[in-house]
Amino acid sequence: MNRFFMKSKTLMSIVFLFAGIWGGCDQHKNLIADQREKEVSGLIRYYVNHELKRDSIFLFDKSTNLLTEICIDNILAENKDINLKKEDILNMSQKDTLTWSNKLVPIARIISNNALPIINSLPDKIRDKEGQLFYLANPIFSKDFSYAILQSSFVCGSRCGERSILLFKKEKDSWTLLKTYCKIEY
């Protein structure tokens, strides 16, 4: 009976050890997800308020993921301390399935991508009163959350818009725009 009790006790200890490790991993993933959500919200708020100089934007709910290798090469060549590889950035941008929400971006008025044909059918004068419509990619952060790469596109009419890749740096809990890459106006 004592041997059975000792084996059971040992087995239970192993089970609790693995449960603690497993739970610890989940807890770590949750902490990273929480920090990422906080950083995304802060970065977008900074971008809208300080770079676009607006109180809010119209934001399409589906993000965009058109990062190109040339833009990434330029960013990494000029910023050696980003601590990301080109392959990692491309993989993260291609896995972008984020749907924007007011919880994540409270300063945006979220518009369904399904509304784009209706919006495009409106005369330019009507659209101009509402302002620019934005597509933002899910930001890609360096492992330490000190850098962020954000693709921003906006449409301001049937033949008007712009797309660019933005590099931000976080210092003392505040984001700043370092440089704009691959800017295309149409």
C-alpha atoms as a PDB file:
ATOM      1  CA  MET A   1       0.000   0.000   0.000  1.00  0.00           C
ATOM      2  CA  ASN A   2       2.847   2.385   0.814  1.00  0.00           C
ATOM      3  CA  ARG A   3       4.475   1.770  -2.579  1.00  0.00           C
ATOM      4  CA  PHE A   4       1.187   2.557  -4.345  1.00  0.00           C
ATOM      5  CA  PHE A   5       0.793   5.721  -2.273  1.00  0.00           C
ATOM      6  CA  MET A   6       4.397   6.789  -3.049  1.00  0.00           C
ATOM      7  CA  LYS A   7       3.932   6.151  -6.816  1.00  0.00           C
ATOM      8  CA  SER A   8       0.652   8.049  -6.784  1.00  0.00           C
ATOM      9  CA  LYS A   9       2.252  10.943  -4.941  1.00  0.00           C
ATOM     10  CA  THR A  10       5.163  11.018  -7.412  1.00  0.00           C
ATOM     11  CA  LEU A  11       2.778  10.825 -10.371  1.00  0.00           C
ATOM     12  CA  MET A  12       0.662  13.653  -8.971  1.00  0.00           C
ATOM     13  CA  SER A  13       3.785  15.801  -8.458  1.00  0.00           C
ATOM     14  CA  ILE A  14       4.769  15.289 -12.101  1.00  0.00           C
ATOM     15  CA  VAL A  15       1.244  16.158 -13.268  1.00  0.00           C
ATOM     16  CA  PHE A  16       1.236  19.357 -11.177  1.00  0.00           C
ATOM     17  CA  LEU A  17       4.708  20.284 -12.461  1.00  0.00           C
ATOM     18  CA  PHE A  18       3.622  19.972 -16.109  1.00  0.00           C
ATOM     19  CA  ALA A  19       0.361  21.792 -15.392  1.00  0.00           C
ATOM     20  CA  GLY A  20       2.344  24.642 -13.846  1.00  0.00           C
ATOM     21  CA  ILE A  21       4.692  24.816 -16.831  1.00  0.00           C
ATOM     22  CA  TRP A  22       1.777  24.641 -19.294  1.00  0.00           C
ATOM     23  CA  GLY A  23      -0.195  27.267 -17.386  1.00  0.00           C
ATOM     24  CA  GLY A  24       2.905  29.436 -17.157  1.00  0.00           C
ATOM     25  CA  CYS A  25       3.299  29.338 -20.944  1.00  0.00           C
ATOM     26  CA  ASP A  26      -0.327  30.357 -21.431  1.00  0.00           C
ATOM     27  CA  GLN A  27       0.091  33.117 -18.881  1.00  0.00           C
ATOM     28  CA  HIS A  28       3.220  34.368 -20.703  1.00  0.00           C
ATOM     29  CA  LYS A  29       1.373  34.340 -24.059  1.00  0.00           C
ATOM     30  CA  ASN A  30      -1.489  36.302 -22.482  1.00  0.00           C
ATOM     31  CA  LEU A  31       0.931  38.907 -21.093  1.00  0.00           C
ATOM     32  CA  ILE A  32       2.536  39.348 -24.527  1.00  0.00           C
ATOM     33  CA  ALA A  33      -0.910  39.583 -26.185  1.00  0.00           C
ATOM     34  CA  ASP A  34      -2.005  42.181 -23.613  1.00  0.00           C
ATOM     35  CA  GLN A  35       1.168  44.219 -24.149  1.00  0.00           C
ATOM     36  CA  ARG A  36       0.772  43.955 -27.929  1.00  0.00           C
ATOM     37  CA  GLU A  37      -2.832  45.192 -27.734  1.00  0.00           C
ATOM     38  CA  LYS A  38      -1.727  48.113 -25.546  1.00  0.00           C
ATOM     39  CA  GLU A  39       1.100  48.991 -27.943  1.00  0.00           C
ATOM     40  CA  VAL A  40      -1.146  48.756 -31.036  1.00  0.00           C
ATOM     41  CA  SER A  41      -3.685  51.077 -29.450  1.00  0.00           C
ATOM     42  CA  GLY A  42      -1.017  53.570 -28.324  1.00  0.00           C
ATOM     43  CA  LEU A  43       0.776  53.521 -31.683  1.00  0.00           C
ATOM     44  CA  ILE A  44      -2.402  54.131 -33.699  1.00  0.00           C
ATOM     45  CA  ARG A  45      -3.507  56.886 -31.295  1.00  0.00           C
ATOM     46  CA  TYR A  46      -0.104  58.583 -31.688  1.00  0.00           C
ATOM     47  CA  TYR A  47      -0.220  58.236 -35.479  1.00  0.00           C
ATOM     48  CA  VAL A  48      -3.717  59.705 -35.796  1.00  0.00           C
ATOM     49  CA  ASN A  49      -3.261  62.537 -33.275  1.00  0.00           C
ATOM     50  CA  HIS A  50       0.330  63.593 -33.962  1.00  0.00           C
ATOM     51  CA  GLU A  51       1.190  62.586 -37.516  1.00  0.00           C
ATOM     52  CA  LEU A  52      -2.210  62.963 -39.180  1.00  0.00           C
ATOM     53  CA  LYS A  53      -3.163  65.762 -36.762  1.00  0.00           C
ATOM     54  CA  ARG A  54      -6.728  64.527 -36.402  1.00  0.00           C
ATOM     55  CA  ASP A  55      -9.034  63.618 -33.548  1.00  0.00           C
ATOM     56  CA  SER A  56     -10.295  60.529 -35.352  1.00  0.00           C
ATOM     57  CA  ILE A  57     -10.254  58.736 -38.707  1.00  0.00           C
ATOM     58  CA  PHE A  58     -12.528  56.569 -40.791  1.00  0.00           C
ATOM     59  CA  LEU A  59     -10.874  53.144 -40.762  1.00  0.00           C
ATOM     60  CA  PHE A  60     -11.826  50.124 -42.842  1.00  0.00           C
ATOM     61  CA  ASP A  61     -12.299  47.096 -40.620  1.00  0.00           C
ATOM     62  CA  LYS A  62     -10.003  44.768 -42.580  1.00  0.00           C
ATOM     63  CA  SER A  63      -6.316  45.484 -42.432  1.00  0.00           C
ATOM     64  CA  THR A  64      -4.041  45.541 -45.440  1.00  0.00           C
ATOM     65  CA  ASN A  65      -0.850  43.550 -45.910  1.00  0.00           C
ATOM     66  CA  LEU A  66       1.139  44.749 -48.892  1.00  0.00           C
ATOM     67  CA  LEU A  67       4.634  45.057 -47.430  1.00  0.00           C
ATOM     68  CA  THR A  68       7.261  44.580 -50.115  1.00  0.00           C
ATOM     69  CA  GLU A  69      10.728  43.124 -49.784  1.00  0.00           C
ATOM     70  CA  ILE A  70      12.310  46.312 -51.160  1.00  0.00           C
ATOM     71  CA  CYS A  71      10.719  48.444 -48.431  1.00  0.00           C
ATOM     72  CA  ILE A  72      11.735  45.972 -45.741  1.00  0.00           C
ATOM     73  CA  ASP A  73      15.315  45.848 -47.073  1.00  0.00           C
ATOM     74  CA  ASN A  74      15.502  49.657 -46.916  1.00  0.00           C
ATOM     75  CA  ILE A  75      14.162  49.753 -43.353  1.00  0.00           C
ATOM     76  CA  LEU A  76      16.546  47.068 -42.107  1.00  0.00           C
ATOM     77  CA  ALA A  77      19.578  48.551 -43.929  1.00  0.00           C
ATOM     78  CA  GLU A  78      19.063  51.951 -42.297  1.00  0.00           C
ATOM     79  CA  ASN A  79      18.078  50.664 -38.828  1.00  0.00           C
ATOM     80  CA  LYS A  80      20.452  47.924 -37.686  1.00  0.00           C
ATOM     81  CA  ASP A  81      19.099  47.785 -34.115  1.00  0.00           C
ATOM     82  CA  ILE A  82      15.504  46.777 -34.979  1.00  0.00           C
ATOM     83  CA  ASN A  83      16.217  43.129 -34.066  1.00  0.00           C
ATOM     84  CA  LEU A  84      13.919  41.617 -36.724  1.00  0.00           C
ATOM     85  CA  LYS A  85      14.737  39.572 -39.810  1.00  0.00           C
ATOM     86  CA  LYS A  86      13.252  40.236 -43.225  1.00  0.00           C
ATOM     87  CA  GLU A  87      11.670  36.757 -43.285  1.00  0.00           C
ATOM     88  CA  ASP A  88      10.000  37.383 -39.908  1.00  0.00           C
ATOM     89  CA  ILE A  89       8.569  40.709 -41.070  1.00  0.00           C
ATOM     90  CA  LEU A  90       7.244  39.193 -44.309  1.00  0.00           C
ATOM     91  CA  ASN A  91       5.714  36.252 -42.431  1.00  0.00           C
ATOM     92  CA  MET A  92       4.040  38.529 -39.892  1.00  0.00           C
ATOM     93  CA  SER A  93       2.655  40.807 -42.593  1.00  0.00           C
ATOM     94  CA  GLN A  94       1.282  37.916 -44.639  1.00  0.00           C
ATOM     95  CA  LYS A  95      -0.454  36.370 -41.618  1.00  0.00           C
ATOM     96  CA  ASP A  96      -2.251  39.620 -40.922  1.00  0.00           C
ATOM     97  CA  THR A  97      -5.906  38.740 -40.395  1.00  0.00           C
ATOM     98  CA  LEU A  98      -6.698  41.510 -37.954  1.00  0.00           C
ATOM     99  CA  THR A  99     -10.162  43.014 -38.011  1.00  0.00           C
ATOM    100  CA  TRP A 100     -10.073  46.483 -36.488  1.00  0.00           C
ATOM    101  CA  SER A 101     -12.543  47.261 -33.727  1.00  0.00           C
ATOM    102  CA  ASN A 102     -13.439  50.292 -31.628  1.00  0.00           C
ATOM    103  CA  LYS A 103     -12.095  48.462 -28.587  1.00  0.00           C
ATOM    104  CA  LEU A 104      -8.639  48.295 -30.151  1.00  0.00           C
ATOM    105  CA  VAL A 105      -8.789  51.691 -31.902  1.00  0.00           C
ATOM    106  CA  PRO A 106     -11.319  53.863 -30.045  1.00  0.00           C
ATOM    107  CA  ILE A 107     -10.334  56.991 -32.007  1.00  0.00           C
ATOM    108  CA  ALA A 108     -11.470  55.458 -35.306  1.00  0.00           C
ATOM    109  CA  ARG A 109     -14.864  55.207 -36.892  1.00  0.00           C
ATOM    110  CA  ILE A 110     -14.825  51.665 -38.225  1.00  0.00           C
ATOM    111  CA  ILE A 111     -16.295  51.102 -41.706  1.00  0.00           C
ATOM    112  CA  SER A 112     -16.981  47.681 -43.184  1.00  0.00           C
ATOM    113  CA  ASN A 113     -14.925  46.792 -46.258  1.00  0.00           C
ATOM    114  CA  ASN A 114     -18.241  45.699 -47.775  1.00  0.00           C
ATOM    115  CA  ALA A 115     -19.198  49.392 -47.950  1.00  0.00           C
ATOM    116  CA  LEU A 116     -16.373  50.224 -50.382  1.00  0.00           C
ATOM    117  CA  PRO A 117     -18.482  49.809 -53.585  1.00  0.00           C
ATOM    118  CA  ILE A 118     -21.125  52.147 -52.125  1.00  0.00           C
ATOM    119  CA  ILE A 119     -18.498  54.684 -51.070  1.00  0.00           C
ATOM    120  CA  ASN A 120     -16.835  54.524 -54.495  1.00  0.00           C
ATOM    121  CA  SER A 121     -20.160  55.221 -56.179  1.00  0.00           C
ATOM    122  CA  LEU A 122     -20.621  58.509 -54.272  1.00  0.00           C
ATOM    123  CA  PRO A 123     -19.594  61.744 -55.997  1.00  0.00           C
ATOM    124  CA  ASP A 124     -16.167  63.012 -54.922  1.00  0.00           C
ATOM    125  CA  LYS A 125     -17.714  66.158 -53.384  1.00  0.00           C
ATOM    126  CA  ILE A 126     -19.725  64.067 -50.917  1.00  0.00           C
ATOM    127  CA  ARG A 127     -16.732  61.902 -50.018  1.00  0.00           C
ATOM    128  CA  ASP A 128     -14.512  64.957 -49.537  1.00  0.00           C
ATOM    129  CA  LYS A 129     -16.825  66.228 -46.781  1.00  0.00           C
ATOM    130  CA  GLU A 130     -16.369  62.974 -44.860  1.00  0.00           C
ATOM    131  CA  GLY A 131     -12.605  62.997 -45.222  1.00  0.00           C
ATOM    132  CA  GLN A 132     -10.116  60.324 -46.036  1.00  0.00           C
ATOM    133  CA  LEU A 133     -10.783  56.622 -45.553  1.00  0.00           C
ATOM    134  CA  PHE A 134      -7.863  54.635 -44.117  1.00  0.00           C
ATOM    135  CA  TYR A 135      -6.547  51.105 -44.337  1.00  0.00           C
ATOM    136  CA  LEU A 136      -3.991  50.246 -41.664  1.00  0.00           C
ATOM    137  CA  ALA A 137      -2.018  47.034 -41.455  1.00  0.00           C
ATOM    138  CA  ASN A 138      -1.605  45.257 -38.168  1.00  0.00           C
ATOM    139  CA  PRO A 139       1.616  46.849 -36.839  1.00  0.00           C
ATOM    140  CA  ILE A 140       4.732  44.695 -36.718  1.00  0.00           C
ATOM    141  CA  PHE A 141       6.721  45.221 -33.520  1.00  0.00           C
ATOM    142  CA  SER A 142      10.309  44.408 -32.681  1.00  0.00           C
ATOM    143  CA  LYS A 143      10.629  41.750 -29.990  1.00  0.00           C
ATOM    144  CA  ASP A 144      11.181  44.371 -27.288  1.00  0.00           C
ATOM    145  CA  PHE A 145       8.346  46.630 -28.574  1.00  0.00           C
ATOM    146  CA  SER A 146      10.759  49.505 -29.152  1.00  0.00           C
ATOM    147  CA  TYR A 147      10.159  49.675 -32.939  1.00  0.00           C
ATOM    148  CA  ALA A 148       7.006  49.344 -35.009  1.00  0.00           C
ATOM    149  CA  ILE A 149       6.409  49.079 -38.740  1.00  0.00           C
ATOM    150  CA  LEU A 150       2.993  50.228 -39.923  1.00  0.00           C
ATOM    151  CA  GLN A 151       1.565  50.297 -43.410  1.00  0.00           C
ATOM    152  CA  SER A 152      -0.932  53.084 -43.906  1.00  0.00           C
ATOM    153  CA  SER A 153      -3.099  53.671 -46.960  1.00  0.00           C
ATOM    154  CA  PHE A 154      -5.836  56.185 -47.482  1.00  0.00           C
ATOM    155  CA  VAL A 155      -8.370  56.856 -50.172  1.00  0.00           C
ATOM    156  CA  CYS A 156      -9.672  60.378 -50.688  1.00  0.00           C
ATOM    157  CA  GLY A 157     -11.535  59.947 -53.967  1.00  0.00           C
ATOM    158  CA  SER A 158     -11.815  57.746 -57.007  1.00  0.00           C
ATOM    159  CA  ARG A 159      -8.383  58.894 -58.238  1.00  0.00           C
ATOM    160  CA  CYS A 160      -6.842  60.081 -55.013  1.00  0.00           C
ATOM    161  CA  GLY A 161      -4.921  58.271 -52.314  1.00  0.00           C
ATOM    162  CA  GLU A 162      -1.594  57.350 -50.812  1.00  0.00           C
ATOM    163  CA  ARG A 163       0.194  54.325 -49.375  1.00  0.00           C
ATOM    164  CA  SER A 164       3.354  54.300 -47.277  1.00  0.00           C
ATOM    165  CA  ILE A 165       5.315  52.200 -44.815  1.00  0.00           C
ATOM    166  CA  LEU A 166       6.069  53.989 -41.553  1.00  0.00           C
ATOM    167  CA  LEU A 167       8.799  53.214 -39.048  1.00  0.00           C
ATOM    168  CA  PHE A 168       8.190  54.273 -35.449  1.00  0.00           C
ATOM    169  CA  LYS A 169      10.429  54.165 -32.389  1.00  0.00           C
ATOM    170  CA  LYS A 170       9.277  54.115 -28.791  1.00  0.00           C
ATOM    171  CA  GLU A 171      11.295  56.068 -26.244  1.00  0.00           C
ATOM    172  CA  LYS A 172      10.208  56.876 -22.706  1.00  0.00           C
ATOM    173  CA  ASP A 173       6.704  55.414 -23.261  1.00  0.00           C
ATOM    174  CA  SER A 174       6.095  57.606 -26.311  1.00  0.00           C
ATOM    175  CA  TRP A 175       6.054  56.716 -30.007  1.00  0.00           C
ATOM    176  CA  THR A 176       7.710  58.905 -32.640  1.00  0.00           C
ATOM    177  CA  LEU A 177       7.766  58.543 -36.408  1.00  0.00           C
ATOM    178  CA  LEU A 178      11.343  57.930 -37.555  1.00  0.00           C
ATOM    179  CA  LYS A 179      10.836  57.755 -41.298  1.00  0.00           C
ATOM    180  CA  THR A 180       8.356  57.135 -44.106  1.00  0.00           C
ATOM    181  CA  TYR A 181       9.293  54.491 -46.673  1.00  0.00           C
ATOM    182  CA  CYS A 182       7.950  53.516 -50.095  1.00  0.00           C
ATOM    183  CA  LYS A 183       5.453  56.335 -50.358  1.00  0.00           C
ATOM    184  CA  ILE A 184       3.146  56.010 -53.367  1.00  0.00           C
ATOM    185  CA  GLU A 185       0.604  58.646 -54.327  1.00  0.00           C
ATOM    186  CA  TYR A 186      -2.187  57.894 -56.774  1.00  0.00           C
END
